C-alpha atoms as a PDB file:
ATOM      1  CA  MET A   1     193.790  56.063  11.811  1.00  0.00           C
ATOM      2  CA  ARG A   2     196.007  54.089  14.144  1.00  0.00           C
ATOM      3  CA  ILE A   3     194.713  50.745  15.402  1.00  0.00           C
ATOM      4  CA  GLY A   4     196.187  48.738  18.244  1.00  0.00           C
ATOM      5  CA  ILE A   5     195.700  45.202  19.470  1.00  0.00           C
ATOM      6  CA  GLY A   6     195.907  43.665  22.915  1.00  0.00           C
ATOM      7  CA  LEU A   7     198.365  41.012  23.923  1.00  0.00           C
ATOM      8  CA  PRO A   8     196.642  37.952  25.389  1.00  0.00           C
ATOM      9  CA  ASN A   9     198.577  38.243  28.649  1.00  0.00           C
ATOM     10  CA  GLN A  10     195.469  37.874  30.816  1.00  0.00           C
ATOM     11  CA  VAL A  11     193.771  35.077  28.925  1.00  0.00           C
ATOM     12  CA  ARG A  12     193.245  32.438  31.601  1.00  0.00           C
ATOM     13  CA  ASP A  13     196.139  29.964  31.653  1.00  0.00           C
ATOM     14  CA  VAL A  14     197.732  31.533  28.580  1.00  0.00           C
ATOM     15  CA  HIS A  15     200.680  29.593  27.176  1.00  0.00           C
ATOM     16  CA  ALA A  16     203.382  32.227  27.818  1.00  0.00           C
ATOM     17  CA  PRO A  17     205.414  31.661  24.601  1.00  0.00           C
ATOM     18  CA  VAL A  18     202.380  32.963  22.700  1.00  0.00           C
ATOM     19  CA  ILE A  19     203.179  36.501  23.909  1.00  0.00           C
ATOM     20  CA  PRO A  20     206.340  37.248  21.850  1.00  0.00           C
ATOM     21  CA  ALA A  21     204.972  35.394  18.819  1.00  0.00           C
ATOM     22  CA  TRP A  22     201.723  37.402  19.023  1.00  0.00           C
ATOM     23  CA  ALA A  23     203.738  40.624  19.307  1.00  0.00           C
ATOM     24  CA  ARG A  24     205.818  39.811  16.207  1.00  0.00           C
ATOM     25  CA  ARG A  25     202.719  38.960  14.168  1.00  0.00           C
ATOM     26  CA  ALA A  26     200.934  42.130  15.307  1.00  0.00           C
ATOM     27  CA  GLU A  27     203.886  44.242  14.200  1.00  0.00           C
ATOM     28  CA  GLU A  28     204.079  42.399  10.851  1.00  0.00           C
ATOM     29  CA  ALA A  29     200.336  42.978  10.357  1.00  0.00           C
ATOM     30  CA  GLY A  30     200.821  46.732  10.758  1.00  0.00           C
ATOM     31  CA  PHE A  31     199.153  47.377  14.120  1.00  0.00           C
ATOM     32  CA  ALA A  32     200.234  50.644  15.726  1.00  0.00           C
ATOM     33  CA  THR A  33     200.253  49.503  19.368  1.00  0.00           C
ATOM     34  CA  LEU A  34     200.346  46.434  21.562  1.00  0.00           C
ATOM     35  CA  GLY A  35     198.454  46.695  24.843  1.00  0.00           C
ATOM     36  CA  THR A  36     198.369  44.674  28.040  1.00  0.00           C
ATOM     37  CA  THR A  37     195.813  44.154  30.764  1.00  0.00           C
ATOM     38  CA  GLY A  38     196.943  44.427  34.376  1.00  0.00           C
ATOM     39  CA  ARG A  39     195.996  41.821  36.983  1.00  0.00           C
ATOM     40  CA  VAL A  40     197.958  40.164  39.746  1.00  0.00           C
ATOM     41  CA  ALA A  41     195.533  37.599  41.170  1.00  0.00           C
ATOM     42  CA  TYR A  42     194.729  35.894  37.877  1.00  0.00           C
ATOM     43  CA  PRO A  43     196.443  32.996  36.050  1.00  0.00           C
ATOM     44  CA  GLY A  44     197.985  35.021  33.230  1.00  0.00           C
ATOM     45  CA  VAL A  45     201.290  36.694  32.403  1.00  0.00           C
ATOM     46  CA  MET A  46     202.154  39.859  34.357  1.00  0.00           C
ATOM     47  CA  ASP A  47     201.733  42.932  32.178  1.00  0.00           C
ATOM     48  CA  THR A  48     205.314  44.129  32.676  1.00  0.00           C
ATOM     49  CA  VAL A  49     206.650  40.728  31.619  1.00  0.00           C
ATOM     50  CA  ALA A  50     204.400  40.707  28.549  1.00  0.00           C
ATOM     51  CA  LEU A  51     205.563  44.220  27.605  1.00  0.00           C
ATOM     52  CA  ALA A  52     209.214  43.237  28.040  1.00  0.00           C
ATOM     53  CA  ALA A  53     208.710  40.123  25.911  1.00  0.00           C
ATOM     54  CA  ALA A  54     206.985  42.214  23.249  1.00  0.00           C
ATOM     55  CA  ALA A  55     209.818  44.765  23.356  1.00  0.00           C
ATOM     56  CA  GLY A  56     212.342  42.014  22.667  1.00  0.00           C
ATOM     57  CA  ALA A  57     210.295  40.468  19.867  1.00  0.00           C
ATOM     58  CA  THR A  58     209.549  43.698  17.951  1.00  0.00           C
ATOM     59  CA  THR A  59     211.291  46.840  16.733  1.00  0.00           C
ATOM     60  CA  THR A  60     208.697  49.484  15.830  1.00  0.00           C
ATOM     61  CA  ILE A  61     205.273  48.824  17.328  1.00  0.00           C
ATOM     62  CA  GLU A  62     204.406  50.996  20.334  1.00  0.00           C
ATOM     63  CA  LEU A  63     203.804  49.342  23.719  1.00  0.00           C
ATOM     64  CA  ILE A  64     201.133  50.406  26.202  1.00  0.00           C
ATOM     65  CA  SER A  65     199.771  49.124  29.481  1.00  0.00           C
ATOM     66  CA  GLN A  66     195.987  49.435  29.669  1.00  0.00           C
ATOM     67  CA  VAL A  67     195.950  49.686  32.636  1.00  0.00           C
ATOM     68  CA  LEU A  68     198.706  48.610  34.967  1.00  0.00           C
ATOM     69  CA  LEU A  69     197.698  48.488  38.633  1.00  0.00           C
ATOM     70  CA  ALA A  70     200.302  50.963  39.821  1.00  0.00           C
ATOM     71  CA  THR A  71     199.400  51.009  43.507  1.00  0.00           C
ATOM     72  CA  THR A  72     200.031  47.273  43.838  1.00  0.00           C
ATOM     73  CA  TRP A  73     203.750  48.037  43.324  1.00  0.00           C
ATOM     74  CA  PRO A  74     206.282  49.936  45.418  1.00  0.00           C
ATOM     75  CA  GLY A  75     206.778  53.205  43.500  1.00  0.00           C
ATOM     76  CA  ALA A  76     210.539  53.008  42.913  1.00  0.00           C
ATOM     77  CA  LEU A  77     210.282  49.401  41.754  1.00  0.00           C
ATOM     78  CA  LEU A  78     207.567  50.176  39.209  1.00  0.00           C
ATOM     79  CA  ALA A  79     209.460  53.238  37.981  1.00  0.00           C
ATOM     80  CA  LYS A  80     212.585  51.152  37.396  1.00  0.00           C
ATOM     81  CA  GLU A  81     210.581  48.382  35.731  1.00  0.00           C
ATOM     82  CA  ALA A  82     208.889  50.857  33.372  1.00  0.00           C
ATOM     83  CA  ALA A  83     212.160  52.660  32.569  1.00  0.00           C
ATOM     84  CA  SER A  84     213.795  49.303  31.852  1.00  0.00           C
ATOM     85  CA  ILE A  85     211.042  48.240  29.453  1.00  0.00           C
ATOM     86  CA  ASP A  86     211.131  51.663  27.820  1.00  0.00           C
ATOM     87  CA  GLY A  87     214.912  51.406  27.471  1.00  0.00           C
ATOM     88  CA  VAL A  88     215.029  47.943  25.926  1.00  0.00           C
ATOM     89  CA  SER A  89     212.200  48.893  23.559  1.00  0.00           C
ATOM     90  CA  GLY A  90     214.030  51.988  22.325  1.00  0.00           C
ATOM     91  CA  GLY A  91     211.532  54.399  23.895  1.00  0.00           C
ATOM     92  CA  ARG A  92     208.297  52.745  22.730  1.00  0.00           C
ATOM     93  CA  LEU A  93     206.501  52.415  26.098  1.00  0.00           C
ATOM     94  CA  THR A  94     203.527  54.430  27.277  1.00  0.00           C
ATOM     95  CA  LEU A  95     202.488  53.579  30.815  1.00  0.00           C
ATOM     96  CA  GLY A  96     198.729  53.502  31.334  1.00  0.00           C
ATOM     97  CA  ILE A  97     198.130  53.269  35.081  1.00  0.00           C
ATOM     98  CA  GLY A  98     195.298  53.109  37.579  1.00  0.00           C
ATOM     99  CA  VAL A  99     194.862  52.633  41.302  1.00  0.00           C
ATOM    100  CA  GLY A 100     193.157  49.238  41.001  1.00  0.00           C
ATOM    101  CA  ILE A 101     189.786  48.138  42.346  1.00  0.00           C
ATOM    102  CA  ARG A 102     189.983  44.371  42.927  1.00  0.00           C
ATOM    103  CA  GLU A 103     191.123  43.690  46.487  1.00  0.00           C
ATOM    104  CA  ASP A 104     192.681  40.341  45.577  1.00  0.00           C
ATOM    105  CA  ASP A 105     195.249  42.072  43.332  1.00  0.00           C
ATOM    106  CA  PHE A 106     196.853  43.788  46.336  1.00  0.00           C
ATOM    107  CA  VAL A 107     199.314  41.123  47.475  1.00  0.00           C
ATOM    108  CA  VAL A 108     202.365  43.176  48.548  1.00  0.00           C
ATOM    109  CA  PRO A 109     202.401  43.920  52.301  1.00  0.00           C
ATOM    110  CA  GLY A 110     201.919  47.637  52.876  1.00  0.00           C
ATOM    111  CA  HIS A 111     200.364  48.086  49.438  1.00  0.00           C
ATOM    112  CA  GLY A 112     196.765  47.118  50.129  1.00  0.00           C
ATOM    113  CA  PRO A 113     193.653  48.747  48.711  1.00  0.00           C
ATOM    114  CA  ARG A 114     193.354  51.263  51.576  1.00  0.00           C
ATOM    115  CA  GLY A 115     195.081  54.568  50.900  1.00  0.00           C
ATOM    116  CA  ARG A 116     195.809  53.774  47.278  1.00  0.00           C
ATOM    117  CA  GLY A 117     194.885  57.271  46.035  1.00  0.00           C
ATOM    118  CA  ALA A 118     197.336  58.962  48.397  1.00  0.00           C
ATOM    119  CA  ARG A 119     199.933  56.308  47.536  1.00  0.00           C
ATOM    120  CA  MET A 120     199.423  57.059  43.827  1.00  0.00           C
ATOM    121  CA  ASP A 121     199.981  60.758  44.460  1.00  0.00           C
ATOM    122  CA  ARG A 122     203.274  60.006  46.271  1.00  0.00           C
ATOM    123  CA  ASP A 123     204.363  57.457  43.691  1.00  0.00           C
ATOM    124  CA  LEU A 124     203.906  59.888  40.798  1.00  0.00           C
ATOM    125  CA  ALA A 125     206.640  62.056  42.282  1.00  0.00           C
ATOM    126  CA  THR A 126     208.788  58.938  42.750  1.00  0.00           C
ATOM    127  CA  TYR A 127     208.344  57.903  39.100  1.00  0.00           C
ATOM    128  CA  ARG A 128     209.396  61.332  37.854  1.00  0.00           C
ATOM    129  CA  SER A 129     212.391  61.402  40.203  1.00  0.00           C
ATOM    130  CA  VAL A 130     213.568  57.923  39.193  1.00  0.00           C
ATOM    131  CA  TRP A 131     213.108  58.676  35.484  1.00  0.00           C
ATOM    132  CA  ALA A 132     215.085  61.923  35.919  1.00  0.00           C
ATOM    133  CA  GLY A 133     218.027  59.846  37.186  1.00  0.00           C
ATOM    134  CA  GLU A 134     217.953  61.213  40.720  1.00  0.00           C
ATOM    135  CA  PRO A 135     219.462  59.011  43.464  1.00  0.00           C
ATOM    136  CA  LEU A 136     217.066  56.699  45.259  1.00  0.00           C
ATOM    137  CA  SER A 137     216.139  57.633  48.800  1.00  0.00           C
ATOM    138  CA  GLY A 138     218.839  56.337  51.115  1.00  0.00           C
ATOM    139  CA  SER A 139     221.252  55.554  48.261  1.00  0.00           C
ATOM    140  CA  PRO A 140     223.893  57.540  46.416  1.00  0.00           C
ATOM    141  CA  ASN A 141     222.871  55.736  43.216  1.00  0.00           C
ATOM    142  CA  PRO A 142     220.082  56.340  40.732  1.00  0.00           C
ATOM    143  CA  ALA A 143     217.853  53.389  39.830  1.00  0.00           C
ATOM    144  CA  VAL A 144     218.146  53.794  36.076  1.00  0.00           C
ATOM    145  CA  PRO A 145     220.978  54.384  33.592  1.00  0.00           C
ATOM    146  CA  ALA A 146     221.680  57.937  32.466  1.00  0.00           C
ATOM    147  CA  GLY A 147     220.046  59.043  29.250  1.00  0.00           C
ATOM    148  CA  GLY A 148     216.573  57.648  29.874  1.00  0.00           C
ATOM    149  CA  ARG A 149     213.388  59.645  29.491  1.00  0.00           C
ATOM    150  CA  GLN A 150     210.219  60.476  31.353  1.00  0.00           C
ATOM    151  CA  VAL A 151     207.963  57.584  30.323  1.00  0.00           C
ATOM    152  CA  PRO A 152     204.653  58.949  28.994  1.00  0.00           C
ATOM    153  CA  LEU A 153     201.854  58.400  31.529  1.00  0.00           C
ATOM    154  CA  LEU A 154     198.152  57.892  30.909  1.00  0.00           C
ATOM    155  CA  PHE A 155     195.554  57.535  33.664  1.00  0.00           C
ATOM    156  CA  GLY A 156     192.725  55.068  33.627  1.00  0.00           C
ATOM    157  CA  ALA A 157     189.752  55.632  35.942  1.00  0.00           C
ATOM    158  CA  ASN A 158     186.630  57.718  36.198  1.00  0.00           C
ATOM    159  CA  THR A 159     186.784  59.501  39.534  1.00  0.00           C
ATOM    160  CA  PRO A 160     187.401  63.175  40.290  1.00  0.00           C
ATOM    161  CA  ALA A 161     190.769  62.287  41.857  1.00  0.00           C
ATOM    162  CA  ALA A 162     191.830  60.381  38.739  1.00  0.00           C
ATOM    163  CA  TYR A 163     190.822  63.287  36.519  1.00  0.00           C
ATOM    164  CA  ARG A 164     192.846  65.638  38.742  1.00  0.00           C
ATOM    165  CA  ARG A 165     195.892  63.380  38.517  1.00  0.00           C
ATOM    166  CA  MET A 166     195.438  63.156  34.772  1.00  0.00           C
ATOM    167  CA  ALA A 167     195.311  66.949  34.406  1.00  0.00           C
ATOM    168  CA  GLU A 168     198.252  67.590  36.738  1.00  0.00           C
ATOM    169  CA  SER A 169     200.610  64.691  36.140  1.00  0.00           C
ATOM    170  CA  SER A 170     199.977  62.828  32.916  1.00  0.00           C
ATOM    171  CA  ASP A 171     199.932  62.869  29.167  1.00  0.00           C
ATOM    172  CA  GLY A 172     196.276  61.839  28.904  1.00  0.00           C
ATOM    173  CA  TYR A 173     193.545  59.340  29.675  1.00  0.00           C
ATOM    174  CA  ILE A 174     193.145  55.676  28.817  1.00  0.00           C
ATOM    175  CA  ALA A 175     190.107  53.495  29.266  1.00  0.00           C
ATOM    176  CA  GLY A 176     190.523  50.001  30.582  1.00  0.00           C
ATOM    177  CA  SER A 177     190.068  46.990  28.344  1.00  0.00           C
ATOM    178  CA  VAL A 178     186.432  46.412  27.445  1.00  0.00           C
ATOM    179  CA  PRO A 179     184.640  44.195  24.934  1.00  0.00           C
ATOM    180  CA  ALA A 180     184.335  45.721  21.438  1.00  0.00           C
ATOM    181  CA  ALA A 181     180.530  45.862  21.682  1.00  0.00           C
ATOM    182  CA  LEU A 182     180.758  48.009  24.807  1.00  0.00           C
ATOM    183  CA  ALA A 183     183.289  50.380  23.248  1.00  0.00           C
ATOM    184  CA  SER A 184     181.228  50.759  20.072  1.00  0.00           C
ATOM    185  CA  SER A 185     178.056  51.669  21.999  1.00  0.00           C
ATOM    186  CA  ALA A 186     179.690  54.664  23.694  1.00  0.00           C
END
C-alpha cells in the first residue's frame, strides 16, 4: 500500500517556509506522495509554488496536484509551469486538474468561469503540444527544453464531461481533497 500526505499549502495564512520543511519530513517518514490543494482566492501558497518548493526539498517522493484549477490559467503558461516542476523534480510530477467551481478563483481576464469546459478541451491539446516540444503559436521556439515528457494527467470532477475527458485524455481520476471521515465513509 502506498500512502500520501498533503502539503499544507492552503492552510489559511500558512507560514510559507513550512512547505519545504514539511516535504522533507514527509519524504523521510516514507510517504509515497505529496499532494497540494488548488485555490487562487485564498490566503495560502499557490499549488504550483508548493510543488516546486517540494521538488527542491526532496529527491524521491512523488508530487501530485489534487486538484489544480487548470482553467484559471492560460493553457501554455500552465503547461510550461507543469513541465518545469516535472523537470526540476526529475519526473516526479502528476498533474491532477479540474475546471474549478468557485467563481472567486477566476481572476485572470478572459479566463472566467463561463466556458471553462470548452477551454479545458482546448487547453488539453495545448498541454500535449507544449510537452512534446512543439513551437508555441506565433513563435519559432518551444516553451520547454528538449527531452521533457508528457506529464501524467488525472482529472478531478464528477460530471459526464469530466469523465469523457478522463477517458480520452488522461491517465486516470483523482478526487479532490476531503476530510478523512468523508473518504472513509465512501
